[in-house]
Amino acid sequence: MELDLEKVLSTVAKGPATLTEVAKQLGVQLSEAESIIGALLAHGYLEEVEIGPCSLCPLASACKTGGPRLFRLTERGMALLRRRGGRNS
């Protein structure tokens, strides 16, 4: 399945998104979303959002993942989306 770059960037432009959210919005498997996110990170269109500990989660002390990974557009990603005519609202 070939995805339109604008659709991927528009999905993340709505706000920081997890891999699961991206996969669901794009209608792809989690592994495919991970590959897409990895490529966009490598090209500087996305960045990972640093989040603090999940202090409100009752499982925080037992969690080994450190919480969900969140991604957002970089300035470069927003500029590309604007050039392609996408919305970043």
PDB file of N, CA and C in Angstrom:
ATOM      1  N   MET A   1       0.844  -1.183   0.000  1.00  0.00           N
ATOM      2  CA  MET A   1       0.000   0.000   0.000  1.00  0.00           C
ATOM      3  C   MET A   1       0.887   1.242   0.000  1.00  0.00           C
ATOM      4  N   GLU A   2       0.707   2.103  -0.959  1.00  0.00           N
ATOM      5  CA  GLU A   2       1.479   3.332  -1.029  1.00  0.00           C
ATOM      6  C   GLU A   2       0.679   4.447  -0.376  1.00  0.00           C
ATOM      7  N   LEU A   3       1.320   5.149   0.556  1.00  0.00           N
ATOM      8  CA  LEU A   3       0.635   6.221   1.263  1.00  0.00           C
ATOM      9  C   LEU A   3       1.080   7.571   0.742  1.00  0.00           C
ATOM     10  N   ASP A   4       0.164   8.482   0.683  1.00  0.00           N
ATOM     11  CA  ASP A   4       0.434   9.849   0.294  1.00  0.00           C
ATOM     12  C   ASP A   4       1.127  10.541   1.468  1.00  0.00           C
ATOM     13  N   LEU A   5       2.266  11.171   1.205  1.00  0.00           N
ATOM     14  CA  LEU A   5       3.031  11.852   2.249  1.00  0.00           C
ATOM     15  C   LEU A   5       2.180  12.900   2.955  1.00  0.00           C
ATOM     16  N   GLU A   6       1.352  13.607   2.192  1.00  0.00           N
ATOM     17  CA  GLU A   6       0.496  14.636   2.782  1.00  0.00           C
ATOM     18  C   GLU A   6      -0.460  14.034   3.808  1.00  0.00           C
ATOM     19  N   LYS A   7      -0.989  12.852   3.525  1.00  0.00           N
ATOM     20  CA  LYS A   7      -1.919  12.199   4.459  1.00  0.00           C
ATOM     21  C   LYS A   7      -1.209  11.836   5.762  1.00  0.00           C
ATOM     22  N   VAL A   8       0.011  11.344   5.643  1.00  0.00           N
ATOM     23  CA  VAL A   8       0.777  10.982   6.842  1.00  0.00           C
ATOM     24  C   VAL A   8       1.065  12.233   7.660  1.00  0.00           C
ATOM     25  N   LEU A   9       1.569  13.284   7.021  1.00  0.00           N
ATOM     26  CA  LEU A   9       1.900  14.513   7.736  1.00  0.00           C
ATOM     27  C   LEU A   9       0.651  15.157   8.324  1.00  0.00           C
ATOM     28  N   SER A  10      -0.446  15.141   7.591  1.00  0.00           N
ATOM     29  CA  SER A  10      -1.700  15.717   8.089  1.00  0.00           C
ATOM     30  C   SER A  10      -2.198  14.980   9.324  1.00  0.00           C
ATOM     31  N   THR A  11      -2.000  13.681   9.350  1.00  0.00           N
ATOM     32  CA  THR A  11      -2.417  12.878  10.498  1.00  0.00           C
ATOM     33  C   THR A  11      -1.678  13.323  11.757  1.00  0.00           C
ATOM     34  N   VAL A  12      -0.381  13.518  11.639  1.00  0.00           N
ATOM     35  CA  VAL A  12       0.429  13.904  12.802  1.00  0.00           C
ATOM     36  C   VAL A  12       0.254  15.392  13.116  1.00  0.00           C
ATOM     37  N   ALA A  13      -0.093  16.191  12.129  1.00  0.00           N
ATOM     38  CA  ALA A  13      -0.255  17.633  12.333  1.00  0.00           C
ATOM     39  C   ALA A  13      -1.407  17.973  13.272  1.00  0.00           C
ATOM     40  N   LYS A  14      -2.314  17.051  13.473  1.00  0.00           N
ATOM     41  CA  LYS A  14      -3.467  17.294  14.348  1.00  0.00           C
ATOM     42  C   LYS A  14      -3.052  17.400  15.808  1.00  0.00           C
ATOM     43  N   GLY A  15      -1.856  16.976  16.125  1.00  0.00           N
ATOM     44  CA  GLY A  15      -1.340  17.003  17.488  1.00  0.00           C
ATOM     45  C   GLY A  15      -0.425  15.818  17.683  1.00  0.00           C
ATOM     46  N   PRO A  16       0.356  15.824  18.754  1.00  0.00           N
ATOM     47  CA  PRO A  16       1.234  14.673  18.967  1.00  0.00           C
ATOM     48  C   PRO A  16       0.446  13.369  18.893  1.00  0.00           C
ATOM     49  N   ALA A  17       1.016  12.395  18.191  1.00  0.00           N
ATOM     50  CA  ALA A  17       0.316  11.129  17.958  1.00  0.00           C
ATOM     51  C   ALA A  17       1.211   9.956  18.310  1.00  0.00           C
ATOM     52  N   THR A  18       0.603   8.880  18.749  1.00  0.00           N
ATOM     53  CA  THR A  18       1.332   7.642  19.018  1.00  0.00           C
ATOM     54  C   THR A  18       1.388   6.817  17.736  1.00  0.00           C
ATOM     55  N   LEU A  19       2.239   5.803  17.744  1.00  0.00           N
ATOM     56  CA  LEU A  19       2.295   4.885  16.603  1.00  0.00           C
ATOM     57  C   LEU A  19       0.941   4.237  16.358  1.00  0.00           C
ATOM     58  N   THR A  20       0.288   3.854  17.428  1.00  0.00           N
ATOM     59  CA  THR A  20      -1.026   3.205  17.306  1.00  0.00           C
ATOM     60  C   THR A  20      -2.038   4.141  16.654  1.00  0.00           C
ATOM     61  N   GLU A  21      -2.038   5.412  17.057  1.00  0.00           N
ATOM     62  CA  GLU A  21      -2.961   6.375  16.468  1.00  0.00           C
ATOM     63  C   GLU A  21      -2.676   6.592  14.987  1.00  0.00           C
ATOM     64  N   VAL A  22      -1.395   6.686  14.650  1.00  0.00           N
ATOM     65  CA  VAL A  22      -1.018   6.872  13.246  1.00  0.00           C
ATOM     66  C   VAL A  22      -1.465   5.667  12.421  1.00  0.00           C
ATOM     67  N   ALA A  23      -1.189   4.469  12.918  1.00  0.00           N
ATOM     68  CA  ALA A  23      -1.586   3.251  12.199  1.00  0.00           C
ATOM     69  C   ALA A  23      -3.094   3.210  11.978  1.00  0.00           C
ATOM     70  N   LYS A  24      -3.846   3.534  13.012  1.00  0.00           N
ATOM     71  CA  LYS A  24      -5.298   3.510  12.916  1.00  0.00           C
ATOM     72  C   LYS A  24      -5.804   4.542  11.904  1.00  0.00           C
ATOM     73  N   GLN A  25      -5.297   5.760  11.972  1.00  0.00           N
ATOM     74  CA  GLN A  25      -5.733   6.829  11.060  1.00  0.00           C
ATOM     75  C   GLN A  25      -5.397   6.516   9.606  1.00  0.00           C
ATOM     76  N   LEU A  26      -4.263   5.848   9.387  1.00  0.00           N
ATOM     77  CA  LEU A  26      -3.829   5.544   8.024  1.00  0.00           C
ATOM     78  C   LEU A  26      -4.360   4.210   7.517  1.00  0.00           C
ATOM     79  N   GLY A  27      -4.902   3.405   8.422  1.00  0.00           N
ATOM     80  CA  GLY A  27      -5.416   2.100   8.034  1.00  0.00           C
ATOM     81  C   GLY A  27      -4.318   1.109   7.688  1.00  0.00           C
ATOM     82  N   VAL A  28      -3.208   1.165   8.441  1.00  0.00           N
ATOM     83  CA  VAL A  28      -2.079   0.268   8.192  1.00  0.00           C
ATOM     84  C   VAL A  28      -1.737  -0.502   9.460  1.00  0.00           C
ATOM     85  N   GLN A  29      -0.944  -1.544   9.298  1.00  0.00           N
ATOM     86  CA  GLN A  29      -0.467  -2.319  10.436  1.00  0.00           C
ATOM     87  C   GLN A  29       0.502  -1.467  11.262  1.00  0.00           C
ATOM     88  N   LEU A  30       0.638  -1.784  12.537  1.00  0.00           N
ATOM     89  CA  LEU A  30       1.531  -1.063  13.436  1.00  0.00           C
ATOM     90  C   LEU A  30       2.974  -1.074  12.921  1.00  0.00           C
ATOM     91  N   SER A  31       3.408  -2.200  12.382  1.00  0.00           N
ATOM     92  CA  SER A  31       4.781  -2.303  11.873  1.00  0.00           C
ATOM     93  C   SER A  31       5.008  -1.364  10.691  1.00  0.00           C
ATOM     94  N   GLU A  32       3.988  -1.189   9.845  1.00  0.00           N
ATOM     95  CA  GLU A  32       4.108  -0.278   8.718  1.00  0.00           C
ATOM     96  C   GLU A  32       4.144   1.173   9.199  1.00  0.00           C
ATOM     97  N   ALA A  33       3.321   1.485  10.196  1.00  0.00           N
ATOM     98  CA  ALA A  33       3.327   2.835  10.766  1.00  0.00           C
ATOM     99  C   ALA A  33       4.690   3.132  11.385  1.00  0.00           C
ATOM    100  N   GLU A  34       5.276   2.139  12.036  1.00  0.00           N
ATOM    101  CA  GLU A  34       6.597   2.310  12.652  1.00  0.00           C
ATOM    102  C   GLU A  34       7.649   2.609  11.579  1.00  0.00           C
ATOM    103  N   SER A  35       7.584   1.931  10.455  1.00  0.00           N
ATOM    104  CA  SER A  35       8.516   2.178   9.351  1.00  0.00           C
ATOM    105  C   SER A  35       8.336   3.582   8.771  1.00  0.00           C
ATOM    106  N   ILE A  36       7.086   3.988   8.606  1.00  0.00           N
ATOM    107  CA  ILE A  36       6.779   5.315   8.066  1.00  0.00           C
ATOM    108  C   ILE A  36       7.299   6.396   9.018  1.00  0.00           C
ATOM    109  N   ILE A  37       6.981   6.246  10.298  1.00  0.00           N
ATOM    110  CA  ILE A  37       7.431   7.216  11.302  1.00  0.00           C
ATOM    111  C   ILE A  37       8.958   7.267  11.328  1.00  0.00           C
ATOM    112  N   GLY A  38       9.592   6.111  11.266  1.00  0.00           N
ATOM    113  CA  GLY A  38      11.059   6.061  11.272  1.00  0.00           C
ATOM    114  C   GLY A  38      11.660   6.824  10.104  1.00  0.00           C
ATOM    115  N   ALA A  39      11.084   6.673   8.937  1.00  0.00           N
ATOM    116  CA  ALA A  39      11.588   7.381   7.755  1.00  0.00           C
ATOM    117  C   ALA A  39      11.384   8.884   7.897  1.00  0.00           C
ATOM    118  N   LEU A  40      10.231   9.288   8.400  1.00  0.00           N
ATOM    119  CA  LEU A  40       9.962  10.718   8.568  1.00  0.00           C
ATOM    120  C   LEU A  40      10.831  11.334   9.662  1.00  0.00           C
ATOM    121  N   LEU A  41      11.130  10.557  10.696  1.00  0.00           N
ATOM    122  CA  LEU A  41      12.068  11.021  11.725  1.00  0.00           C
ATOM    123  C   LEU A  41      13.457  11.218  11.115  1.00  0.00           C
ATOM    124  N   ALA A  42      13.896  10.239  10.334  1.00  0.00           N
ATOM    125  CA  ALA A  42      15.231  10.282   9.724  1.00  0.00           C
ATOM    126  C   ALA A  42      15.391  11.461   8.772  1.00  0.00           C
ATOM    127  N   HIS A  43      14.302  11.865   8.123  1.00  0.00           N
ATOM    128  CA  HIS A  43      14.356  12.981   7.172  1.00  0.00           C
ATOM    129  C   HIS A  43      14.066  14.329   7.825  1.00  0.00           C
ATOM    130  N   GLY A  44      13.803  14.301   9.138  1.00  0.00           N
ATOM    131  CA  GLY A  44      13.596  15.548   9.855  1.00  0.00           C
ATOM    132  C   GLY A  44      12.212  16.147   9.757  1.00  0.00           C
ATOM    133  N   TYR A  45      11.230  15.371   9.296  1.00  0.00           N
ATOM    134  CA  TYR A  45       9.862  15.871   9.183  1.00  0.00           C
ATOM    135  C   TYR A  45       9.071  15.689  10.478  1.00  0.00           C
ATOM    136  N   LEU A  46       9.492  14.746  11.288  1.00  0.00           N
ATOM    137  CA  LEU A  46       8.859  14.487  12.579  1.00  0.00           C
ATOM    138  C   LEU A  46       9.920  14.473  13.661  1.00  0.00           C
ATOM    139  N   GLU A  47       9.458  14.660  14.900  1.00  0.00           N
ATOM    140  CA  GLU A  47      10.338  14.509  16.052  1.00  0.00           C
ATOM    141  C   GLU A  47       9.563  13.792  17.145  1.00  0.00           C
ATOM    142  N   GLU A  48      10.302  13.121  17.999  1.00  0.00           N
ATOM    143  CA  GLU A  48       9.661  12.446  19.123  1.00  0.00           C
ATOM    144  C   GLU A  48       9.482  13.463  20.240  1.00  0.00           C
ATOM    145  N   VAL A  49       8.309  13.447  20.857  1.00  0.00           N
ATOM    146  CA  VAL A  49       7.993  14.352  21.948  1.00  0.00           C
ATOM    147  C   VAL A  49       8.476  13.717  23.243  1.00  0.00           C
ATOM    148  N   GLU A  50       9.253  14.481  23.981  1.00  0.00           N
ATOM    149  CA  GLU A  50       9.710  13.995  25.283  1.00  0.00           C
ATOM    150  C   GLU A  50       8.586  14.200  26.292  1.00  0.00           C
ATOM    151  N   ILE A  51       8.204  13.136  26.956  1.00  0.00           N
ATOM    152  CA  ILE A  51       7.167  13.246  27.979  1.00  0.00           C
ATOM    153  C   ILE A  51       7.742  12.773  29.296  1.00  0.00           C
ATOM    154  N   GLY A  52       7.211  13.311  30.353  1.00  0.00           N
ATOM    155  CA  GLY A  52       7.664  12.921  31.683  1.00  0.00           C
ATOM    156  C   GLY A  52       7.080  11.588  32.086  1.00  0.00           C
ATOM    157  N   PRO A  53       7.414  11.168  33.279  1.00  0.00           N
ATOM    158  CA  PRO A  53       6.872   9.891  33.763  1.00  0.00           C
ATOM    159  C   PRO A  53       5.353   9.933  33.847  1.00  0.00           C
ATOM    160  N   CYS A  54       4.783   8.830  33.657  1.00  0.00           N
ATOM    161  CA  CYS A  54       3.318   8.723  33.684  1.00  0.00           C
ATOM    162  C   CYS A  54       2.858   8.635  35.133  1.00  0.00           C
ATOM    163  N   SER A  55       3.047   9.720  35.872  1.00  0.00           N
ATOM    164  CA  SER A  55       2.805   9.712  37.312  1.00  0.00           C
ATOM    165  C   SER A  55       1.357   9.426  37.698  1.00  0.00           C
ATOM    166  N   LEU A  56       0.431   9.699  36.823  1.00  0.00           N
ATOM    167  CA  LEU A  56      -0.963   9.441  37.152  1.00  0.00           C
ATOM    168  C   LEU A  56      -1.394   8.005  36.882  1.00  0.00           C
ATOM    169  N   CYS A  57      -0.562   7.271  36.168  1.00  0.00           N
ATOM    170  CA  CYS A  57      -0.908   5.891  35.840  1.00  0.00           C
ATOM    171  C   CYS A  57      -0.659   4.983  37.042  1.00  0.00           C
ATOM    172  N   PRO A  58      -1.645   4.167  37.400  1.00  0.00           N
ATOM    173  CA  PRO A  58      -1.451   3.268  38.547  1.00  0.00           C
ATOM    174  C   PRO A  58      -0.394   2.188  38.282  1.00  0.00           C
ATOM    175  N   LEU A  59      -0.027   1.968  37.032  1.00  0.00           N
ATOM    176  CA  LEU A  59       0.980   0.956  36.705  1.00  0.00           C
ATOM    177  C   LEU A  59       2.365   1.562  36.456  1.00  0.00           C
ATOM    178  N   ALA A  60       2.529   2.848  36.721  1.00  0.00           N
ATOM    179  CA  ALA A  60       3.779   3.539  36.399  1.00  0.00           C
ATOM    180  C   ALA A  60       5.003   2.862  37.004  1.00  0.00           C
ATOM    181  N   SER A  61       4.909   2.399  38.229  1.00  0.00           N
ATOM    182  CA  SER A  61       6.085   1.799  38.875  1.00  0.00           C
ATOM    183  C   SER A  61       6.462   0.451  38.261  1.00  0.00           C
ATOM    184  N   ALA A  62       5.522  -0.214  37.628  1.00  0.00           N
ATOM    185  CA  ALA A  62       5.792  -1.522  37.026  1.00  0.00           C
ATOM    186  C   ALA A  62       6.031  -1.445  35.522  1.00  0.00           C
ATOM    187  N   CYS A  63       5.796  -0.288  34.942  1.00  0.00           N
ATOM    188  CA  CYS A  63       5.890  -0.140  33.490  1.00  0.00           C
ATOM    189  C   CYS A  63       7.343  -0.075  33.040  1.00  0.00           C
ATOM    190  N   LYS A  64       7.689  -0.883  32.061  1.00  0.00           N
ATOM    191  CA  LYS A  64       9.047  -0.903  31.526  1.00  0.00           C
ATOM    192  C   LYS A  64       9.173  -0.089  30.241  1.00  0.00           C
ATOM    193  N   THR A  65       8.052   0.383  29.708  1.00  0.00           N
ATOM    194  CA  THR A  65       8.108   1.100  28.435  1.00  0.00           C
ATOM    195  C   THR A  65       8.368   2.585  28.590  1.00  0.00           C
ATOM    196  N   GLY A  66       8.122   3.132  29.786  1.00  0.00           N
ATOM    197  CA  GLY A  66       8.298   4.562  29.975  1.00  0.00           C
ATOM    198  C   GLY A  66       7.156   5.372  29.389  1.00  0.00           C
ATOM    199  N   GLY A  67       6.088   4.720  29.024  1.00  0.00           N
ATOM    200  CA  GLY A  67       4.940   5.417  28.454  1.00  0.00           C
ATOM    201  C   GLY A  67       4.956   5.362  26.948  1.00  0.00           C
ATOM    202  N   PRO A  68       3.914   5.890  26.341  1.00  0.00           N
ATOM    203  CA  PRO A  68       3.814   5.844  24.880  1.00  0.00           C
ATOM    204  C   PRO A  68       4.809   6.796  24.230  1.00  0.00           C
ATOM    205  N   ARG A  69       5.249   6.437  23.039  1.00  0.00           N
ATOM    206  CA  ARG A  69       6.088   7.337  22.245  1.00  0.00           C
ATOM    207  C   ARG A  69       5.158   8.233  21.451  1.00  0.00           C
ATOM    208  N   LEU A  70       5.384   9.531  21.538  1.00  0.00           N
ATOM    209  CA  LEU A  70       4.570  10.504  20.822  1.00  0.00           C
ATOM    210  C   LEU A  70       5.419  11.207  19.772  1.00  0.00           C
ATOM    211  N   PHE A  71       4.790  11.529  18.649  1.00  0.00           N
ATOM    212  CA  PHE A  71       5.493  12.175  17.547  1.00  0.00           C
ATOM    213  C   PHE A  71       4.718  13.406  17.104  1.00  0.00           C
ATOM    214  N   ARG A  72       5.463  14.429  16.671  1.00  0.00           N
ATOM    215  CA  ARG A  72       4.845  15.642  16.153  1.00  0.00           C
ATOM    216  C   ARG A  72       5.653  16.141  14.963  1.00  0.00           C
ATOM    217  N   LEU A  73       5.031  17.027  14.193  1.00  0.00           N
ATOM    218  CA  LEU A  73       5.715  17.620  13.050  1.00  0.00           C
ATOM    219  C   LEU A  73       6.804  18.577  13.517  1.00  0.00           C
ATOM    220  N   THR A  74       7.892  18.613  12.787  1.00  0.00           N
ATOM    221  CA  THR A  74       8.919  19.625  12.998  1.00  0.00           C
ATOM    222  C   THR A  74       8.555  20.830  12.129  1.00  0.00           C
ATOM    223  N   GLU A  75       9.315  21.896  12.245  1.00  0.00           N
ATOM    224  CA  GLU A  75       9.118  23.049  11.364  1.00  0.00           C
ATOM    225  C   GLU A  75       9.262  22.613   9.904  1.00  0.00           C
ATOM    226  N   ARG A  76      10.228  21.734   9.668  1.00  0.00           N
ATOM    227  CA  ARG A  76      10.450  21.238   8.303  1.00  0.00           C
ATOM    228  C   ARG A  76       9.225  20.465   7.800  1.00  0.00           C
ATOM    229  N   GLY A  77       8.654  19.647   8.657  1.00  0.00           N
ATOM    230  CA  GLY A  77       7.457  18.893   8.290  1.00  0.00           C
ATOM    231  C   GLY A  77       6.271  19.797   8.035  1.00  0.00           C
ATOM    232  N   MET A  78       6.108  20.846   8.874  1.00  0.00           N
ATOM    233  CA  MET A  78       5.011  21.793   8.670  1.00  0.00           C
ATOM    234  C   MET A  78       5.184  22.557   7.360  1.00  0.00           C
ATOM    235  N   ALA A  79       6.429  22.940   7.066  1.00  0.00           N
ATOM    236  CA  ALA A  79       6.692  23.666   5.817  1.00  0.00           C
ATOM    237  C   ALA A  79       6.369  22.793   4.602  1.00  0.00           C
ATOM    238  N   LEU A  80       6.744  21.525   4.652  1.00  0.00           N
ATOM    239  CA  LEU A  80       6.450  20.615   3.551  1.00  0.00           C
ATOM    240  C   LEU A  80       4.940  20.444   3.380  1.00  0.00           C
ATOM    241  N   LEU A  81       4.243  20.301   4.478  1.00  0.00           N
ATOM    242  CA  LEU A  81       2.790  20.139   4.417  1.00  0.00           C
ATOM    243  C   LEU A  81       2.141  21.388   3.817  1.00  0.00           C
ATOM    244  N   ARG A  82       2.598  22.563   4.196  1.00  0.00           N
ATOM    245  CA  ARG A  82       2.064  23.805   3.629  1.00  0.00           C
ATOM    246  C   ARG A  82       2.342  23.883   2.132  1.00  0.00           C
ATOM    247  N   ARG A  83       3.564  23.513   1.730  1.00  0.00           N
ATOM    248  CA  ARG A  83       3.909  23.544   0.298  1.00  0.00           C
ATOM    249  C   ARG A  83       3.033  22.593  -0.507  1.00  0.00           C
ATOM    250  N   ARG A  84       2.655  21.492   0.083  1.00  0.00           N
ATOM    251  CA  ARG A  84       1.829  20.511  -0.603  1.00  0.00           C
ATOM    252  C   ARG A  84       0.349  20.826  -0.504  1.00  0.00           C
ATOM    253  N   GLY A  85       0.021  21.907   0.188  1.00  0.00           N
ATOM    254  CA  GLY A  85      -1.377  22.337   0.271  1.00  0.00           C
ATOM    255  C   GLY A  85      -2.172  21.697   1.378  1.00  0.00           C
ATOM    256  N   GLY A  86      -1.507  20.982   2.285  1.00  0.00           N
ATOM    257  CA  GLY A  86      -2.226  20.341   3.399  1.00  0.00           C
ATOM    258  C   GLY A  86      -2.517  21.319   4.500  1.00  0.00           C
ATOM    259  N   ARG A  87      -3.359  20.911   5.401  1.00  0.00           N
ATOM    260  CA  ARG A  87      -3.725  21.737   6.546  1.00  0.00           C
ATOM    261  C   ARG A  87      -2.992  21.205   7.755  1.00  0.00           C
ATOM    262  N   ASN A  88      -2.524  22.086   8.615  1.00  0.00           N
ATOM    263  CA  ASN A  88      -1.876  21.641   9.850  1.00  0.00           C
ATOM    264  C   ASN A  88      -2.587  22.219  11.056  1.00  0.00           C
ATOM    265  N   SER A  89      -3.878  22.184  11.040  1.00  0.00           N
ATOM    266  CA  SER A  89      -4.675  22.677  12.166  1.00  0.00           C
ATOM    267  C   SER A  89      -5.123  21.533  13.034  1.00  0.00           C
TER     268      SER A  89
END
